[in-house]
Structures are given as C-alpha cells and as structure tokens.
Amino acid sequence: DEDVLDTWFSAGLLPLSALGWTGDSNKATPARYPLQVMETGYDILFFWVARMAMLANYFTKQAPFENIFLHAMIRDAQGRKMSKSLGNVIDPLHVIEGVDLETLKSNIKNSNLPAKEIEKSIKNLDEEYPSGIAACGTDALRFALIAYTQQNRQINLDISTVVQTSHFCNKLWNLFKFGFGRFEKDGYVKGDLMSLRTVDPTKLSLVNRFILSRMADTITKVQDGFASYRLHDAADAVRRFIIEDVCDVYVEFSKATLNNGETDSQEKNATLDILHACMDVSLRLAHPFMPFVTEELWHHLRYRVQSSSATKALMIASYPDANDFKLLKDDQVEDHFDVVLSIIHASRSL
C-alpha cells in the first residue's frame, strides 16, 4: 500500500508533519521548522532520532533540530528494569493518587502472568511497599524525577524520595500561609516586584540585603541550569533558596522585625515588600518544575496583594531574568551574614 509507512519511518517525519508539512516540494518549509530541542530517550536514538535527522534533512536540506536532550531511563530503587514479572512496575497514577498494598496485589492477581510469576511479584510488593504507596501528587513526582536527572543514563526511582519531595510542596504551602497571615495582620495589600530592581541595598538591613543577594544568585543558577540543560541543578537551586534561605532564615528573622513594636514603619514595609518578593519569585522559579501548586498559590497571592502587572496566570507570567537582579548580588553581605548564622548555630549547640 503506497499510503502506509513503517512505524519508525512515519514517526521520522514528525518534525515536519506535526507542523502541517504535506510533502509538496513546491510549498515552503513550515515557518517553525526546525525545532530548537528534541527531548527523547537514548534507547531510541537510532530507531527514531536518526531517522528524523535523515528524512527531514533529505526533504528540506536542513537538520530538524538544533539540540538533542536525552533523558534517563526510569528503573526501580535497586536499578532493575521495570518488569511485570518482577512486580516492580510503578504506575505514575499510584504515586500521584496513592494506593494500598491490597490494590497493588489485586492488580497483579488479575493480570495474565503465570501463577509462578504472580507469586514472585506479590512477594516483591510485600518487600517494596509494605504500607502501599502514599499519595504524593503530580508536582512532587515531577520535581523528584527532574532532581533525579543527575543520574545520567538511568533513574533508580525510590518512592521515599518522591514522598520527601511532597514535603517540600507542603513547605512551600506553609510559607505562603505564613506570608498571607502577615499581610493580613499588617494591612499589606500592594506590592510591586519591579521596585526591587531599583532599590538601594545600602538602605536595607543586613538580613534584607542577604536574602536579596541569595535571590539574585538563585536566579542566575536557575538560568544557567536551563541554558546548559542541567535541570537538576536548576531544581536544586530553587529548592535550596525556598527551604534554606527563605523558610529557615528569612522568615525567622522577619518575625522578629514584624513583631517588634519599636520597628520603624520604613523597615517594616521594606520587610513586607521583600517577603512578598521572595514569595512571588519563588513561585515563578518553581513553576516549570511544579506547575500546579505554584499556579494555585500564585492566584491566592494575586487575590491578597495587588500588582501592577495585568498577567492573569503564572504560566504566562515573565520568568525572572538574572540581568534584572544582578545588582542585588553581594558576596560581602553573604559572608557577613554567614558569620551571624554561625554564631547562632554555635550558641544553640551549647
């Protein structure tokens, strides 16, 4: 049949056919061709990617993509290939929504595996998931897999790592719970991220200058991570900023400032502005990794704090640009504040 192509060869035309290409040599190549990045697995590098390169180049005299990003293969926690006969196949929906051990066993028993394989699989489930799989949510699974990409060729997926990532989502949610409570208590209803780009750091307290410097550094690291396709570096920079810099340090120091009745209004307003900026920038930075919880929190933030931006969704909001925040980076301030933190940690250990 002249209208039928082998599966891999028809898929090899995808960079063109997906853009409406009909094969007519008299018509121009689609405007959005070639692609900037092709993301795929190394196991089909020859079966698919090579065919796309050869076919598309043959018809257009131009390579179909500029870069190829190869993701790692997902295996179980012991590094074994997922197999129904081993009972170690992880259903993403089970990780997202949670599942008990009996349901996992029931799925195996109702499969078409031989009796001996079913017995082996059930034994493996008892060892791997004695309490079932806790509900982790889509964002936690997504972020955990991205963090795992530092394991170049394969990901040894441990569900406990995804559970820990769900705790990070909870940490982010609790940060906003604290922020919203402070904004309501102090009557803070209007914030503008743009004003941070022109702020004079010398007029701010040490802790405020510290967190702005860490923010600028994080934005640079995330931007560099994306540019070099080191997504795990970008994800780790976001996680460290939110947990270690904002939650563990800035929030605790801001409580002392905001709860002190003798704090002057200028310092108090600066602290609220910067707390709002930390929350806003954290959501923008984390959105590519955790789109659902960040979008939800962003709308709550926009509802409580007015903004000069008319953007109606986080997914179409501008991403933080390192060039806009580079003047806030101050290594000397960070060194000085590290001394303060060292003194606090030393005093607590006495």
Protein backbone atom coordinates (compact mmCIF):
# COMPACT_ATOMS: atom_id res chain seq x y z
CA ASP A 1 0.00 0.00 0.00
CA GLU A 2 1.60 3.27 -1.06
CA ASP A 3 -0.11 5.20 1.74
CA VAL A 4 1.40 3.14 4.57
CA LEU A 5 4.82 3.73 6.11
CA ASP A 6 6.77 1.66 8.59
CA THR A 7 6.09 2.95 12.13
CA TRP A 8 9.57 4.32 12.73
CA PHE A 9 9.82 5.88 9.30
CA SER A 10 6.44 7.63 9.59
CA ALA A 11 7.46 8.85 13.03
CA GLY A 12 10.69 10.06 11.45
CA LEU A 13 8.68 12.68 9.56
CA LEU A 14 7.21 14.10 12.77
CA PRO A 15 9.30 17.33 12.87
CA LEU A 16 7.69 18.22 9.51
CA SER A 17 4.26 16.54 9.58
CA ALA A 18 3.42 17.99 13.03
CA LEU A 19 3.84 21.46 11.53
CA GLY A 20 1.47 20.80 8.63
CA TRP A 21 4.02 19.73 6.01
CA THR A 22 2.34 17.82 3.15
CA GLY A 23 5.36 16.67 1.20
CA ASP A 24 4.75 19.12 -1.62
CA SER A 25 8.18 20.28 -2.79
CA ASN A 26 6.63 23.38 -4.36
CA LYS A 27 5.49 24.67 -0.97
CA ALA A 28 7.73 26.37 1.57
CA THR A 29 9.05 24.54 4.62
CA PRO A 30 6.86 25.20 7.72
CA ALA A 31 7.76 28.51 9.40
CA ARG A 32 8.51 26.95 12.80
CA TYR A 33 10.91 24.39 11.37
CA PRO A 34 13.46 23.40 12.59
CA LEU A 35 12.84 22.62 16.25
CA GLN A 36 15.18 24.06 18.84
CA VAL A 37 15.30 21.00 21.10
CA MET A 38 14.35 17.34 20.66
CA GLU A 39 13.85 15.59 24.01
CA THR A 40 13.83 11.79 23.99
CA GLY A 41 15.41 8.65 25.44
CA TYR A 42 18.79 7.29 24.42
CA ASP A 43 17.28 3.81 23.80
CA ILE A 44 15.54 5.04 20.63
CA LEU A 45 18.35 7.28 19.44
CA PHE A 46 18.87 5.18 16.32
CA PHE A 47 15.30 3.92 15.85
CA TRP A 48 13.73 7.38 15.84
CA VAL A 49 16.10 10.32 16.21
CA ALA A 50 18.48 9.17 13.47
CA ARG A 51 15.56 8.59 11.09
CA MET A 52 14.16 12.04 11.83
CA ALA A 53 17.54 13.58 11.10
CA MET A 54 17.99 11.68 7.82
CA LEU A 55 14.45 12.06 6.45
CA ALA A 56 13.96 15.70 7.43
CA ASN A 57 17.37 16.65 6.09
CA TYR A 58 16.62 14.81 2.83
CA PHE A 59 13.40 16.73 2.22
CA THR A 60 14.43 20.17 3.49
CA LYS A 61 18.25 20.13 3.28
CA GLN A 62 18.20 21.26 6.91
CA ALA A 63 18.60 19.39 10.20
CA PRO A 64 15.23 19.02 12.04
CA PHE A 65 16.53 20.18 15.42
CA GLU A 66 19.45 22.10 16.85
CA ASN A 67 19.92 20.10 20.06
CA ILE A 68 19.00 16.65 21.36
CA PHE A 69 18.28 16.29 25.08
CA LEU A 70 18.35 12.65 26.20
CA HIS A 71 16.50 11.80 29.39
CA ALA A 72 17.46 8.92 31.67
CA MET A 73 15.59 5.60 31.80
CA ILE A 74 13.49 5.02 34.93
CA ARG A 75 14.23 1.84 36.87
CA ASP A 76 13.26 0.63 40.34
CA ALA A 77 15.14 1.54 43.52
CA GLN A 78 17.56 -1.41 43.00
CA GLY A 79 18.37 -0.34 39.46
CA ARG A 80 16.38 -3.16 37.85
CA LYS A 81 14.42 -2.65 34.66
CA MET A 82 10.71 -2.44 35.41
CA SER A 83 9.01 -5.70 34.53
CA LYS A 84 5.56 -7.14 35.16
CA SER A 85 7.13 -10.49 36.00
CA LEU A 86 9.14 -8.84 38.78
CA GLY A 87 6.16 -6.88 40.06
CA ASN A 88 8.25 -3.73 40.19
CA VAL A 89 6.39 -1.65 37.62
CA ILE A 90 5.46 1.72 39.14
CA ASP A 91 2.22 3.24 37.87
CA PRO A 92 2.57 7.06 37.94
CA LEU A 93 -1.09 7.36 38.97
CA HIS A 94 -0.41 5.23 42.04
CA VAL A 95 2.35 7.63 43.07
CA ILE A 96 0.19 10.68 42.37
CA GLU A 97 -3.04 9.48 43.99
CA GLY A 98 -1.72 6.85 46.40
CA VAL A 99 -2.62 3.15 46.58
CA ASP A 100 -2.77 0.50 49.28
CA LEU A 101 -0.89 -2.80 49.20
CA GLU A 102 -4.03 -4.89 48.66
CA THR A 103 -4.89 -2.97 45.48
CA LEU A 104 -1.36 -3.47 44.18
CA LYS A 105 -1.65 -7.20 44.85
CA SER A 106 -5.10 -7.35 43.27
CA ASN A 107 -3.79 -5.80 40.05
CA ILE A 108 -1.09 -8.49 39.88
CA LYS A 109 -3.53 -11.33 40.62
CA ASN A 110 -5.89 -10.15 37.86
CA SER A 111 -3.09 -9.93 35.29
CA ASN A 112 -2.27 -12.58 32.69
CA LEU A 113 1.03 -13.57 34.31
CA PRO A 114 1.74 -17.26 35.04
CA ALA A 115 0.95 -18.40 38.59
CA LYS A 116 4.64 -18.67 39.49
CA GLU A 117 5.31 -15.10 38.29
CA ILE A 118 2.29 -13.80 40.23
CA GLU A 119 3.62 -15.38 43.42
CA LYS A 120 7.04 -13.84 42.82
CA SER A 121 5.56 -10.41 42.06
CA ILE A 122 3.39 -10.38 45.18
CA LYS A 123 6.40 -11.27 47.32
CA ASN A 124 8.29 -8.37 45.77
CA LEU A 125 5.38 -6.00 46.52
CA ASP A 126 5.40 -7.07 50.17
CA GLU A 127 9.08 -6.17 50.38
CA GLU A 128 8.97 -2.93 48.37
CA TYR A 129 5.66 -1.40 49.51
CA PRO A 130 4.58 -2.94 52.86
CA SER A 131 2.34 0.07 53.54
CA GLY A 132 1.35 0.74 49.93
CA ILE A 133 2.30 3.99 48.22
CA ALA A 134 1.42 7.31 49.84
CA ALA A 135 -0.33 9.96 47.72
CA CYS A 136 2.42 12.37 46.62
CA GLY A 137 0.73 14.48 43.94
CA THR A 138 1.76 15.33 40.40
CA ASP A 139 4.14 18.15 41.33
CA ALA A 140 6.13 16.01 43.78
CA LEU A 141 6.59 13.23 41.23
CA ARG A 142 7.57 15.70 38.53
CA PHE A 143 10.08 17.55 40.74
CA ALA A 144 11.60 14.30 42.04
CA LEU A 145 12.14 12.94 38.53
CA ILE A 146 13.82 16.19 37.46
CA ALA A 147 16.07 16.10 40.54
CA TYR A 148 16.97 12.52 39.62
CA THR A 149 18.27 13.52 36.17
CA GLN A 150 21.76 13.94 37.58
CA GLN A 151 21.86 10.12 37.28
CA ASN A 152 22.64 10.44 33.58
CA ARG A 153 21.68 7.14 31.94
CA GLN A 154 19.19 5.73 34.43
CA ILE A 155 16.99 6.81 37.33
CA ASN A 156 16.79 4.38 40.26
CA LEU A 157 13.41 5.62 41.44
CA ASP A 158 12.84 5.30 45.17
CA ILE A 159 9.30 6.23 46.18
CA SER A 160 10.56 7.57 49.51
CA THR A 161 12.34 10.31 47.55
CA VAL A 162 9.03 11.35 45.97
CA VAL A 163 7.42 11.38 49.42
CA GLN A 164 10.19 13.69 50.67
CA THR A 165 9.56 15.97 47.69
CA SER A 166 5.88 16.17 48.64
CA HIS A 167 7.08 17.54 51.99
CA PHE A 168 8.82 20.29 50.02
CA CYS A 169 5.47 21.13 48.41
CA ASN A 170 3.98 21.34 51.90
CA LYS A 171 6.85 23.60 52.97
CA LEU A 172 6.08 25.95 50.09
CA TRP A 173 2.39 25.97 51.02
CA ASN A 174 3.20 26.76 54.65
CA LEU A 175 5.48 29.63 53.59
CA PHE A 176 2.51 31.24 51.87
CA LYS A 177 0.25 30.52 54.82
CA PHE A 178 2.68 32.49 56.97
CA GLY A 179 3.01 35.28 54.39
CA PHE A 180 -0.73 35.69 53.94
CA GLY A 181 -1.19 35.86 57.70
CA ARG A 182 1.42 38.62 57.99
CA PHE A 183 -0.02 40.58 55.06
CA GLU A 184 -3.49 40.49 56.60
CA LYS A 185 -2.25 41.42 60.07
CA ASP A 186 -0.15 44.34 58.83
CA GLY A 187 -2.60 45.54 56.18
CA TYR A 188 -0.18 44.87 53.31
CA VAL A 189 -2.26 44.89 50.11
CA LYS A 190 0.01 46.25 47.36
CA GLY A 191 3.37 45.00 46.16
CA ASP A 192 5.49 45.60 43.09
CA LEU A 193 8.31 43.25 42.13
CA MET A 194 9.67 45.83 39.69
CA SER A 195 10.64 48.17 42.55
CA LEU A 196 13.23 45.67 43.78
CA ARG A 197 15.29 46.15 40.65
CA THR A 198 15.93 49.78 41.53
CA VAL A 199 16.14 49.52 45.32
CA ASP A 200 19.24 50.90 47.07
CA PRO A 201 20.56 47.90 49.08
CA THR A 202 22.64 50.13 51.36
CA LYS A 203 19.43 51.47 52.91
CA LEU A 204 18.26 47.98 53.90
CA SER A 205 19.04 45.86 56.95
CA LEU A 206 21.66 43.11 56.73
CA VAL A 207 19.12 40.28 56.60
CA ASN A 208 17.14 42.03 53.83
CA ARG A 209 20.30 42.57 51.80
CA PHE A 210 21.26 38.94 52.42
CA ILE A 211 18.01 37.45 51.11
CA LEU A 212 18.04 39.72 48.03
CA SER A 213 21.60 38.62 47.30
CA ARG A 214 20.59 34.97 47.65
CA MET A 215 17.61 35.61 45.37
CA ALA A 216 19.84 37.12 42.69
CA ASP A 217 22.28 34.22 42.98
CA THR A 218 19.48 31.65 42.73
CA ILE A 219 18.01 33.26 39.63
CA THR A 220 21.44 33.14 37.97
CA LYS A 221 21.93 29.47 38.89
CA VAL A 222 18.48 28.52 37.61
CA GLN A 223 19.01 30.42 34.37
CA ASP A 224 22.41 28.75 33.88
CA GLY A 225 20.89 25.34 34.65
CA PHE A 226 18.25 25.71 31.97
CA ALA A 227 20.74 27.08 29.43
CA SER A 228 23.07 24.10 29.94
CA TYR A 229 20.22 21.52 30.14
CA ARG A 230 21.26 20.67 33.71
CA LEU A 231 17.71 20.68 35.00
CA HIS A 232 18.67 19.05 38.30
CA ASP A 233 20.97 21.99 39.08
CA ALA A 234 18.14 24.44 38.42
CA ALA A 235 15.69 22.43 40.54
CA ASP A 236 18.19 22.10 43.39
CA ALA A 237 18.88 25.86 43.38
CA VAL A 238 15.13 26.57 43.67
CA ARG A 239 14.69 24.06 46.49
CA ARG A 240 17.66 25.41 48.45
CA PHE A 241 16.50 29.00 48.10
CA ILE A 242 12.97 28.29 49.28
CA ILE A 243 13.86 25.97 52.17
CA GLU A 244 17.28 27.09 53.38
CA ASP A 245 17.24 30.81 52.58
CA VAL A 246 13.60 31.90 52.74
CA CYS A 247 11.92 29.48 55.16
CA ASP A 248 14.79 28.64 57.52
CA VAL A 249 16.44 32.07 57.64
CA TYR A 250 14.44 34.99 56.30
CA VAL A 251 11.05 34.02 57.69
CA GLU A 252 12.52 33.56 61.18
CA PHE A 253 14.36 36.90 61.08
CA SER A 254 11.32 38.70 59.64
CA LYS A 255 9.21 37.57 62.58
CA ALA A 256 11.48 39.49 64.95
CA THR A 257 11.22 42.61 62.79
CA LEU A 258 7.47 42.47 62.20
CA ASN A 259 6.55 41.54 65.78
CA ASN A 260 8.70 44.27 67.32
CA GLY A 261 6.51 47.23 68.17
CA GLU A 262 9.52 49.55 68.08
CA THR A 263 10.41 48.76 64.46
CA ASP A 264 10.02 51.91 62.34
CA SER A 265 7.47 51.85 59.50
CA GLN A 266 10.11 52.09 56.76
CA GLU A 267 11.92 48.95 57.93
CA LYS A 268 8.64 47.12 58.45
CA ASN A 269 7.37 47.99 54.96
CA ALA A 270 10.71 47.00 53.41
CA THR A 271 10.49 43.62 55.16
CA LEU A 272 6.93 43.06 53.89
CA ASP A 273 7.96 44.11 50.37
CA ILE A 274 10.87 41.69 50.36
CA LEU A 275 8.80 38.86 51.88
CA HIS A 276 6.28 39.39 49.09
CA ALA A 277 9.11 39.42 46.52
CA CYS A 278 10.52 36.15 47.91
CA MET A 279 7.11 34.52 47.60
CA ASP A 280 6.50 35.83 44.09
CA VAL A 281 9.95 34.95 42.74
CA SER A 282 9.85 31.51 44.39
CA LEU A 283 6.64 30.70 42.52
CA ARG A 284 7.98 31.93 39.19
CA LEU A 285 11.21 29.95 39.59
CA ALA A 286 9.47 26.75 40.71
CA HIS A 287 6.63 26.84 38.18
CA PRO A 288 8.35 24.82 35.39
CA PHE A 289 9.02 22.06 37.93
CA MET A 290 5.79 22.21 39.96
CA PRO A 291 3.13 23.86 37.78
CA PHE A 292 0.01 23.00 39.77
CA VAL A 293 0.77 24.07 43.34
CA THR A 294 2.61 27.18 42.14
CA GLU A 295 -0.27 28.26 39.90
CA GLU A 296 -2.72 27.76 42.76
CA LEU A 297 -0.60 29.76 45.22
CA TRP A 298 0.07 32.50 42.67
CA HIS A 299 -3.66 33.17 42.28
CA HIS A 300 -4.05 33.29 46.06
CA LEU A 301 -1.17 35.78 46.18
CA ARG A 302 -2.68 37.96 43.46
CA TYR A 303 -6.01 37.92 45.27
CA ARG A 304 -4.45 39.20 48.50
CA VAL A 305 -1.77 41.57 47.16
CA GLN A 306 -2.45 43.97 44.30
CA SER A 307 0.08 44.10 41.49
CA SER A 308 0.80 46.49 38.64
CA SER A 309 1.00 43.51 36.27
CA ALA A 310 -2.12 42.52 34.33
CA THR A 311 -0.94 38.94 33.80
CA LYS A 312 -3.80 36.56 34.57
CA ALA A 313 -1.88 33.30 35.02
CA LEU A 314 1.53 32.30 36.30
CA MET A 315 2.16 30.07 33.30
CA ILE A 316 2.26 33.14 31.04
CA ALA A 317 3.97 35.46 33.54
CA SER A 318 7.55 36.57 32.86
CA TYR A 319 10.32 34.36 34.24
CA PRO A 320 12.92 36.06 36.49
CA ASP A 321 15.87 37.35 34.46
CA ALA A 322 19.31 37.31 36.10
CA ASN A 323 20.20 40.64 34.46
CA ASP A 324 17.35 42.37 36.29
CA PHE A 325 18.59 41.24 39.71
CA LYS A 326 22.37 41.16 39.28
CA LEU A 327 22.89 44.45 41.19
CA LEU A 328 21.41 42.82 44.30
CA LYS A 329 24.16 40.17 44.46
CA ASP A 330 26.62 40.99 47.22
CA ASP A 331 29.17 38.37 48.28
CA GLN A 332 30.42 40.53 51.15
CA VAL A 333 26.94 40.77 52.65
CA GLU A 334 26.53 37.00 52.41
CA ASP A 335 29.89 36.46 54.13
CA HIS A 336 28.94 38.83 56.94
CA PHE A 337 25.57 37.19 57.41
CA ASP A 338 27.14 33.72 57.40
CA VAL A 339 29.10 34.86 60.47
CA VAL A 340 25.82 35.80 62.16
CA LEU A 341 24.33 32.40 61.34
CA SER A 342 27.46 30.62 62.61
CA ILE A 343 27.20 32.44 65.94
CA ILE A 344 23.53 31.49 66.24
CA HIS A 345 24.23 27.82 65.42
CA ALA A 346 27.16 27.74 67.86
CA SER A 347 25.09 29.24 70.70
CA ARG A 348 22.30 26.72 70.12
CA SER A 349 24.74 23.81 70.34
CA LEU A 350 26.00 24.83 73.80
